């Protein structure tokens, strides 16, 4: 059944004309911001890609809440500041996932997660979450 369906699709697609619309209104390329990448360890060994892209998602880049605020009120922006500088230099946008509740702020601090205990749970105190989000937003934190 799979083979006959694939054969039918191949036959049908071969009959469908492919037209390139070269009109003025469709001549613009898609913006680079439509194309994003994950780049792990870009500050310590991973080369910057040689392909154009517009956004950089910082998942698994060790800049989640748990790494940025390892204990209440103690902040470490050293890695994130490097990434922001790299993004500015290369003119790409950053997407910072607001994730990884630190164990000290976790509603379930000893719950297992694929990362560290408590990281997948919601915050125990939403005031901690609000403080974290407002601290990492571009309006509140913008390296000169």
C-alpha atoms as a PDB file:
ATOM      1  CA  UNK A   1       0.000   0.000   0.000  1.00  0.00           C
ATOM      2  CA  UNK A   2       2.815   2.424   0.906  1.00  0.00           C
ATOM      3  CA  UNK A   3       4.597   1.793  -2.386  1.00  0.00           C
ATOM      4  CA  UNK A   4       1.491   2.425  -4.494  1.00  0.00           C
ATOM      5  CA  UNK A   5       0.693   5.613  -2.556  1.00  0.00           C
ATOM      6  CA  UNK A   6       4.244   6.901  -3.043  1.00  0.00           C
ATOM      7  CA  UNK A   7       4.108   6.023  -6.735  1.00  0.00           C
ATOM      8  CA  UNK A   8       0.797   7.878  -7.101  1.00  0.00           C
ATOM      9  CA  UNK A   9       2.176  10.946  -5.336  1.00  0.00           C
ATOM     10  CA  UNK A  10       5.307  10.937  -7.494  1.00  0.00           C
ATOM     11  CA  UNK A  11       3.174  10.652 -10.646  1.00  0.00           C
ATOM     12  CA  UNK A  12       0.768  13.397  -9.497  1.00  0.00           C
ATOM     13  CA  UNK A  13       3.586  15.762  -8.574  1.00  0.00           C
ATOM     14  CA  UNK A  14       5.258  15.197 -11.937  1.00  0.00           C
ATOM     15  CA  UNK A  15       2.069  16.459 -13.639  1.00  0.00           C
ATOM     16  CA  UNK A  16       1.858  19.587 -11.488  1.00  0.00           C
ATOM     17  CA  UNK A  17       3.559  22.514 -13.240  1.00  0.00           C
ATOM     18  CA  UNK A  18       6.085  24.407 -11.178  1.00  0.00           C
ATOM     19  CA  UNK A  19       5.995  28.134 -11.804  1.00  0.00           C
ATOM     20  CA  UNK A  20       8.439  30.644 -10.493  1.00  0.00           C
ATOM     21  CA  UNK A  21       6.667  33.871  -9.662  1.00  0.00           C
ATOM     22  CA  UNK A  22       9.077  36.588 -10.662  1.00  0.00           C
ATOM     23  CA  UNK A  23       6.707  39.467 -10.095  1.00  0.00           C
ATOM     24  CA  UNK A  24       8.002  42.534  -8.305  1.00  0.00           C
ATOM     25  CA  UNK A  25       5.900  41.954  -5.172  1.00  0.00           C
ATOM     26  CA  UNK A  26       7.389  38.485  -4.512  1.00  0.00           C
ATOM     27  CA  UNK A  27      10.991  39.304  -5.385  1.00  0.00           C
ATOM     28  CA  UNK A  28      12.063  40.067  -1.809  1.00  0.00           C
ATOM     29  CA  UNK A  29      13.769  37.203   0.006  1.00  0.00           C
ATOM     30  CA  UNK A  30      12.460  35.971   3.327  1.00  0.00           C
ATOM     31  CA  UNK A  31      13.932  37.896   6.262  1.00  0.00           C
ATOM     32  CA  UNK A  32      16.855  36.224   7.993  1.00  0.00           C
ATOM     33  CA  UNK A  33      14.911  36.364  11.268  1.00  0.00           C
ATOM     34  CA  UNK A  34      12.794  33.497   9.879  1.00  0.00           C
ATOM     35  CA  UNK A  35      15.874  31.297  10.144  1.00  0.00           C
ATOM     36  CA  UNK A  36      17.246  30.558  13.589  1.00  0.00           C
ATOM     37  CA  UNK A  37      19.878  28.261  15.025  1.00  0.00           C
ATOM     38  CA  UNK A  38      20.959  26.705  18.281  1.00  0.00           C
ATOM     39  CA  UNK A  39      24.675  27.169  18.836  1.00  0.00           C
ATOM     40  CA  UNK A  40      25.993  25.329  21.853  1.00  0.00           C
ATOM     41  CA  UNK A  41      29.233  26.393  23.541  1.00  0.00           C
ATOM     42  CA  UNK A  42      29.741  29.300  21.147  1.00  0.00           C
ATOM     43  CA  UNK A  43      31.860  30.967  23.800  1.00  0.00           C
ATOM     44  CA  UNK A  44      34.142  27.968  24.235  1.00  0.00           C
ATOM     45  CA  UNK A  45      34.953  25.988  21.136  1.00  0.00           C
ATOM     46  CA  UNK A  46      32.048  25.951  18.692  1.00  0.00           C
ATOM     47  CA  UNK A  47      32.781  27.936  15.544  1.00  0.00           C
ATOM     48  CA  UNK A  48      30.273  30.517  14.385  1.00  0.00           C
ATOM     49  CA  UNK A  49      28.276  29.109  11.435  1.00  0.00           C
ATOM     50  CA  UNK A  50      29.160  30.202   7.907  1.00  0.00           C
ATOM     51  CA  UNK A  51      25.507  30.361   6.858  1.00  0.00           C
ATOM     52  CA  UNK A  52      23.340  33.444   7.191  1.00  0.00           C
ATOM     53  CA  UNK A  53      20.675  33.357   9.913  1.00  0.00           C
ATOM     54  CA  UNK A  54      18.767  35.911  11.907  1.00  0.00           C
ATOM     55  CA  UNK A  55      18.019  34.483  15.343  1.00  0.00           C
ATOM     56  CA  UNK A  56      19.845  32.450  17.923  1.00  0.00           C
ATOM     57  CA  UNK A  57      17.948  30.390  20.490  1.00  0.00           C
ATOM     58  CA  UNK A  58      19.850  29.973  23.746  1.00  0.00           C
ATOM     59  CA  UNK A  59      18.331  26.683  24.908  1.00  0.00           C
ATOM     60  CA  UNK A  60      20.955  24.402  26.497  1.00  0.00           C
ATOM     61  CA  UNK A  61      23.452  27.261  26.381  1.00  0.00           C
ATOM     62  CA  UNK A  62      23.845  27.418  30.180  1.00  0.00           C
ATOM     63  CA  UNK A  63      22.040  30.740  30.503  1.00  0.00           C
ATOM     64  CA  UNK A  64      18.760  29.549  32.008  1.00  0.00           C
ATOM     65  CA  UNK A  65      17.411  30.984  35.228  1.00  0.00           C
ATOM     66  CA  UNK A  66      19.255  28.348  37.289  1.00  0.00           C
ATOM     67  CA  UNK A  67      22.604  29.464  35.840  1.00  0.00           C
ATOM     68  CA  UNK A  68      21.859  33.194  35.850  1.00  0.00           C
ATOM     69  CA  UNK A  69      20.689  33.283  39.480  1.00  0.00           C
ATOM     70  CA  UNK A  70      22.245  30.263  41.219  1.00  0.00           C
ATOM     71  CA  UNK A  71      21.098  31.554  44.615  1.00  0.00           C
ATOM     72  CA  UNK A  72      18.483  34.179  45.466  1.00  0.00           C
ATOM     73  CA  UNK A  73      19.835  37.609  44.586  1.00  0.00           C
ATOM     74  CA  UNK A  74      23.208  36.327  43.325  1.00  0.00           C
ATOM     75  CA  UNK A  75      23.450  36.909  39.584  1.00  0.00           C
ATOM     76  CA  UNK A  76      26.015  35.685  37.053  1.00  0.00           C
ATOM     77  CA  UNK A  77      25.601  37.296  33.631  1.00  0.00           C
ATOM     78  CA  UNK A  78      29.135  36.571  32.407  1.00  0.00           C
ATOM     79  CA  UNK A  79      28.135  33.974  29.780  1.00  0.00           C
ATOM     80  CA  UNK A  80      24.917  35.741  28.735  1.00  0.00           C
ATOM     81  CA  UNK A  81      26.820  39.014  28.328  1.00  0.00           C
ATOM     82  CA  UNK A  82      29.261  37.226  25.977  1.00  0.00           C
ATOM     83  CA  UNK A  83      26.362  35.863  23.944  1.00  0.00           C
ATOM     84  CA  UNK A  84      24.698  39.278  23.747  1.00  0.00           C
ATOM     85  CA  UNK A  85      27.980  40.792  22.529  1.00  0.00           C
ATOM     86  CA  UNK A  86      28.355  38.023  19.917  1.00  0.00           C
ATOM     87  CA  UNK A  87      24.774  38.559  18.753  1.00  0.00           C
ATOM     88  CA  UNK A  88      25.311  42.296  18.377  1.00  0.00           C
ATOM     89  CA  UNK A  89      28.572  41.780  16.519  1.00  0.00           C
ATOM     90  CA  UNK A  90      26.966  39.325  14.086  1.00  0.00           C
ATOM     91  CA  UNK A  91      23.622  41.166  13.932  1.00  0.00           C
ATOM     92  CA  UNK A  92      21.422  38.274  15.033  1.00  0.00           C
ATOM     93  CA  UNK A  93      18.500  38.398  17.443  1.00  0.00           C
ATOM     94  CA  UNK A  94      18.579  36.361  20.648  1.00  0.00           C
ATOM     95  CA  UNK A  95      15.745  34.198  21.864  1.00  0.00           C
ATOM     96  CA  UNK A  96      16.254  33.526  25.572  1.00  0.00           C
ATOM     97  CA  UNK A  97      13.925  30.777  26.800  1.00  0.00           C
ATOM     98  CA  UNK A  98      12.680  31.736  30.259  1.00  0.00           C
ATOM     99  CA  UNK A  99      13.194  28.309  31.752  1.00  0.00           C
ATOM    100  CA  UNK A 100      15.086  26.203  34.269  1.00  0.00           C
ATOM    101  CA  UNK A 101      13.787  27.168  37.682  1.00  0.00           C
ATOM    102  CA  UNK A 102      16.708  27.144  40.122  1.00  0.00           C
ATOM    103  CA  UNK A 103      16.424  24.575  42.877  1.00  0.00           C
ATOM    104  CA  UNK A 104      16.230  27.309  45.529  1.00  0.00           C
ATOM    105  CA  UNK A 105      13.157  28.826  43.783  1.00  0.00           C
ATOM    106  CA  UNK A 106      11.457  25.597  42.733  1.00  0.00           C
ATOM    107  CA  UNK A 107       8.041  24.529  43.997  1.00  0.00           C
ATOM    108  CA  UNK A 108       9.415  20.962  43.972  1.00  0.00           C
ATOM    109  CA  UNK A 109      13.159  21.387  44.562  1.00  0.00           C
ATOM    110  CA  UNK A 110      13.984  17.677  44.714  1.00  0.00           C
ATOM    111  CA  UNK A 111      11.865  16.533  41.775  1.00  0.00           C
ATOM    112  CA  UNK A 112      13.953  14.805  39.105  1.00  0.00           C
ATOM    113  CA  UNK A 113      14.211  16.474  35.706  1.00  0.00           C
ATOM    114  CA  UNK A 114      16.320  15.914  32.588  1.00  0.00           C
ATOM    115  CA  UNK A 115      18.561  18.693  33.868  1.00  0.00           C
ATOM    116  CA  UNK A 116      18.941  19.208  37.625  1.00  0.00           C
ATOM    117  CA  UNK A 117      16.512  18.539  40.466  1.00  0.00           C
ATOM    118  CA  UNK A 118      13.723  21.101  40.579  1.00  0.00           C
ATOM    119  CA  UNK A 119      14.538  22.699  37.200  1.00  0.00           C
ATOM    120  CA  UNK A 120      11.332  21.532  35.495  1.00  0.00           C
ATOM    121  CA  UNK A 121       8.961  22.661  38.271  1.00  0.00           C
ATOM    122  CA  UNK A 122       7.205  25.997  38.478  1.00  0.00           C
ATOM    123  CA  UNK A 123       8.537  28.615  40.906  1.00  0.00           C
ATOM    124  CA  UNK A 124       7.324  28.348  44.493  1.00  0.00           C
ATOM    125  CA  UNK A 125       7.014  32.140  44.674  1.00  0.00           C
ATOM    126  CA  UNK A 126       5.869  34.067  41.605  1.00  0.00           C
ATOM    127  CA  UNK A 127       7.622  37.188  42.914  1.00  0.00           C
ATOM    128  CA  UNK A 128      10.933  35.378  42.275  1.00  0.00           C
ATOM    129  CA  UNK A 129       9.810  34.626  38.720  1.00  0.00           C
ATOM    130  CA  UNK A 130       8.735  38.223  38.068  1.00  0.00           C
ATOM    131  CA  UNK A 131      12.060  39.515  39.395  1.00  0.00           C
ATOM    132  CA  UNK A 132      13.943  37.081  37.121  1.00  0.00           C
ATOM    133  CA  UNK A 133      11.953  37.996  34.007  1.00  0.00           C
ATOM    134  CA  UNK A 134      12.228  41.735  34.577  1.00  0.00           C
ATOM    135  CA  UNK A 135      15.954  41.389  35.250  1.00  0.00           C
ATOM    136  CA  UNK A 136      16.711  39.598  31.964  1.00  0.00           C
ATOM    137  CA  UNK A 137      14.479  41.623  29.643  1.00  0.00           C
ATOM    138  CA  UNK A 138      16.295  43.873  27.163  1.00  0.00           C
ATOM    139  CA  UNK A 139      14.624  46.972  28.573  1.00  0.00           C
ATOM    140  CA  UNK A 140      15.962  46.246  32.050  1.00  0.00           C
ATOM    141  CA  UNK A 141      19.346  44.800  31.048  1.00  0.00           C
ATOM    142  CA  UNK A 142      21.196  46.171  28.079  1.00  0.00           C
ATOM    143  CA  UNK A 143      25.008  45.997  28.139  1.00  0.00           C
ATOM    144  CA  UNK A 144      26.548  49.203  26.867  1.00  0.00           C
END
